[in-house]
């Protein structure tokens, strides 16, 4: 009987270690479309992580990506993004337009756009999304400008990426 308990415990501990470990990441892709003079931005986050942060920030349960989701959820998203995701072009802070969002399984993707970008000398991205609530959060920024590609890995200690052209 004692051997069965140890054997069960021997199997259970490694299984728990794999199921309890979670990666905290977001992925942002930014592409400069010269013909449209715009930066087109796609920002993806895990729904459950974002829901945790939004619920905590607003002291309200928002039920993201469910039939019970609040009707004005885009307002919550816009407020959160404008607080945590900032972009500067040519050393000038830029306002981005919130185009919309899309749920894809356990991820929410936000579509944003910065217009009237005639030329690009520098680009600075600050993304503090989810840092307050998840110590191991890492926000990955992938930038594509013409044939130039750059990736930044942002975390609590380094929350911005800067490029000069």
Protein backbone atom coordinates (compact mmCIF):
# COMPACT_ATOMS: atom_id res chain seq x y z
CA UNK A 1 0.00 0.00 0.00
CA UNK A 2 2.81 2.39 0.88
CA UNK A 3 4.57 1.69 -2.43
CA UNK A 4 1.40 2.60 -4.35
CA UNK A 5 1.23 5.99 -2.64
CA UNK A 6 4.88 6.75 -3.45
CA UNK A 7 4.42 5.59 -7.02
CA UNK A 8 1.31 7.78 -7.46
CA UNK A 9 3.15 10.74 -5.92
CA UNK A 10 6.16 10.05 -8.17
CA UNK A 11 3.88 10.29 -11.24
CA UNK A 12 1.75 13.18 -10.01
CA UNK A 13 4.52 15.69 -9.15
CA UNK A 14 6.06 15.88 -12.66
CA UNK A 15 2.59 16.12 -14.23
CA UNK A 16 1.70 19.06 -11.96
CA UNK A 17 4.94 20.80 -12.76
CA UNK A 18 4.11 20.80 -16.47
CA UNK A 19 0.48 21.85 -16.05
CA UNK A 20 1.14 24.59 -13.49
CA UNK A 21 3.90 26.27 -15.48
CA UNK A 22 2.64 28.95 -17.81
CA UNK A 23 4.35 31.30 -20.20
CA UNK A 24 3.37 34.95 -20.00
CA UNK A 25 3.93 36.52 -23.39
CA UNK A 26 2.33 38.88 -25.84
CA UNK A 27 3.28 39.37 -29.46
CA UNK A 28 3.15 42.67 -31.31
CA UNK A 29 3.85 42.91 -35.04
CA UNK A 30 4.43 46.32 -36.58
CA UNK A 31 4.77 46.86 -40.31
CA UNK A 32 5.46 50.13 -42.08
CA UNK A 33 3.44 50.36 -45.30
CA UNK A 34 5.08 53.19 -47.20
CA UNK A 35 2.41 53.35 -49.93
CA UNK A 36 -0.25 54.01 -47.28
CA UNK A 37 2.09 56.07 -45.08
CA UNK A 38 1.05 54.03 -42.06
CA UNK A 39 2.25 51.73 -39.35
CA UNK A 40 -0.04 48.71 -39.16
CA UNK A 41 0.02 47.03 -35.78
CA UNK A 42 -1.28 43.66 -34.61
CA UNK A 43 -1.03 43.01 -30.88
CA UNK A 44 -1.94 39.60 -29.46
CA UNK A 45 -2.40 38.62 -25.81
CA UNK A 46 -3.77 35.62 -23.99
CA UNK A 47 -7.41 36.31 -23.15
CA UNK A 48 -7.24 34.91 -19.61
CA UNK A 49 -4.21 37.06 -18.73
CA UNK A 50 -5.80 40.22 -20.10
CA UNK A 51 -9.10 39.40 -18.44
CA UNK A 52 -7.35 39.01 -15.09
CA UNK A 53 -5.71 42.44 -15.46
CA UNK A 54 -8.82 44.20 -16.73
CA UNK A 55 -11.02 42.71 -14.02
CA UNK A 56 -8.49 43.77 -11.38
CA UNK A 57 -8.11 47.29 -12.83
CA UNK A 58 -11.83 47.88 -13.13
CA UNK A 59 -13.04 45.95 -10.09
CA UNK A 60 -15.53 44.27 -12.38
CA UNK A 61 -15.89 40.90 -14.11
CA UNK A 62 -15.87 41.48 -17.88
CA UNK A 63 -16.29 37.88 -19.15
CA UNK A 64 -14.02 38.30 -22.17
CA UNK A 65 -14.79 36.27 -25.28
CA UNK A 66 -17.97 34.80 -23.83
CA UNK A 67 -21.66 35.47 -24.48
CA UNK A 68 -21.72 37.38 -21.16
CA UNK A 69 -18.99 39.82 -22.29
CA UNK A 70 -19.91 43.43 -21.48
CA UNK A 71 -21.31 45.33 -24.45
CA UNK A 72 -18.79 48.18 -24.30
CA UNK A 73 -15.71 45.94 -24.06
CA UNK A 74 -13.89 47.89 -26.77
CA UNK A 75 -13.87 50.94 -24.47
CA UNK A 76 -12.10 48.91 -21.79
CA UNK A 77 -9.61 47.64 -24.38
CA UNK A 78 -8.91 51.12 -25.76
CA UNK A 79 -8.34 52.56 -22.30
CA UNK A 80 -6.00 49.70 -21.35
CA UNK A 81 -4.01 49.87 -24.59
CA UNK A 82 -3.61 53.66 -24.48
CA UNK A 83 -2.28 53.33 -20.96
CA UNK A 84 0.16 50.48 -21.64
CA UNK A 85 1.07 50.58 -25.35
CA UNK A 86 2.75 53.74 -26.64
CA UNK A 87 4.46 54.53 -29.90
CA UNK A 88 6.66 57.42 -31.01
CA UNK A 89 7.65 58.14 -34.59
CA UNK A 90 10.58 60.46 -35.32
CA UNK A 91 10.76 61.43 -31.63
CA UNK A 92 7.08 62.43 -31.54
CA UNK A 93 4.44 60.52 -29.56
CA UNK A 94 1.75 59.28 -31.94
CA UNK A 95 -1.89 58.49 -31.44
CA UNK A 96 -2.95 55.21 -32.99
CA UNK A 97 -6.39 54.33 -34.17
CA UNK A 98 -8.04 51.29 -32.62
CA UNK A 99 -9.35 49.42 -35.66
CA UNK A 100 -10.83 46.52 -33.71
CA UNK A 101 -10.20 43.15 -32.12
CA UNK A 102 -10.59 39.50 -32.93
CA UNK A 103 -10.77 36.45 -30.70
CA UNK A 104 -8.86 33.40 -31.87
CA UNK A 105 -9.17 30.48 -29.44
CA UNK A 106 -7.37 31.72 -26.30
CA UNK A 107 -5.86 34.85 -27.88
CA UNK A 108 -7.26 38.31 -28.50
CA UNK A 109 -5.70 40.24 -31.37
CA UNK A 110 -5.94 44.01 -31.51
CA UNK A 111 -5.58 45.89 -34.78
CA UNK A 112 -4.13 49.39 -34.52
CA UNK A 113 -2.86 51.91 -37.04
CA UNK A 114 -0.71 55.03 -37.01
CA UNK A 115 -1.44 57.14 -40.09
CA UNK A 116 0.36 60.04 -41.81
CA UNK A 117 3.85 58.58 -41.44
CA UNK A 118 5.53 60.10 -44.50
CA UNK A 119 9.04 59.05 -43.53
CA UNK A 120 10.54 57.02 -40.74
CA UNK A 121 13.75 58.14 -39.04
CA UNK A 122 13.11 56.60 -35.63
CA UNK A 123 10.58 54.37 -33.94
CA UNK A 124 10.09 53.84 -30.22
CA UNK A 125 7.69 51.29 -28.75
CA UNK A 126 6.74 51.07 -25.07
CA UNK A 127 4.64 48.09 -24.03
CA UNK A 128 3.95 47.61 -20.32
CA UNK A 129 0.90 45.40 -20.90
CA UNK A 130 0.39 42.81 -18.17
CA UNK A 131 3.65 43.66 -16.38
CA UNK A 132 1.91 44.73 -13.17
CA UNK A 133 0.06 41.44 -12.76
CA UNK A 134 2.54 38.91 -14.16
CA UNK A 135 6.13 39.10 -12.98
CA UNK A 136 7.44 36.89 -15.81
CA UNK A 137 5.51 38.71 -18.55
CA UNK A 138 7.48 39.22 -21.74
CA UNK A 139 6.18 41.41 -24.58
CA UNK A 140 7.72 40.57 -27.93
CA UNK A 141 7.81 43.32 -30.57
CA UNK A 142 8.52 42.33 -34.19
CA UNK A 143 9.10 45.22 -36.58
CA UNK A 144 9.14 45.02 -40.36
CA UNK A 145 10.14 48.09 -42.33
CA UNK A 146 10.70 47.37 -46.00
CA UNK A 147 13.27 44.57 -45.93
CA UNK A 148 14.50 45.44 -42.44
CA UNK A 149 13.38 43.17 -39.57
CA UNK A 150 14.01 43.67 -35.86
CA UNK A 151 12.68 41.92 -32.74
CA UNK A 152 12.61 43.31 -29.21
CA UNK A 153 11.92 41.33 -26.04
CA UNK A 154 10.44 43.64 -23.44
CA UNK A 155 10.02 42.93 -19.74
CA UNK A 156 9.54 44.83 -16.47
CA UNK A 157 13.14 46.04 -16.41
CA UNK A 158 13.23 46.99 -20.09
CA UNK A 159 9.81 48.08 -21.32
CA UNK A 160 10.78 49.87 -24.55
CA UNK A 161 12.49 49.29 -27.85
CA UNK A 162 14.08 52.02 -29.96
CA UNK A 163 15.17 52.00 -33.59
CA UNK A 164 16.95 54.72 -35.55
CA UNK A 165 17.19 54.59 -39.33
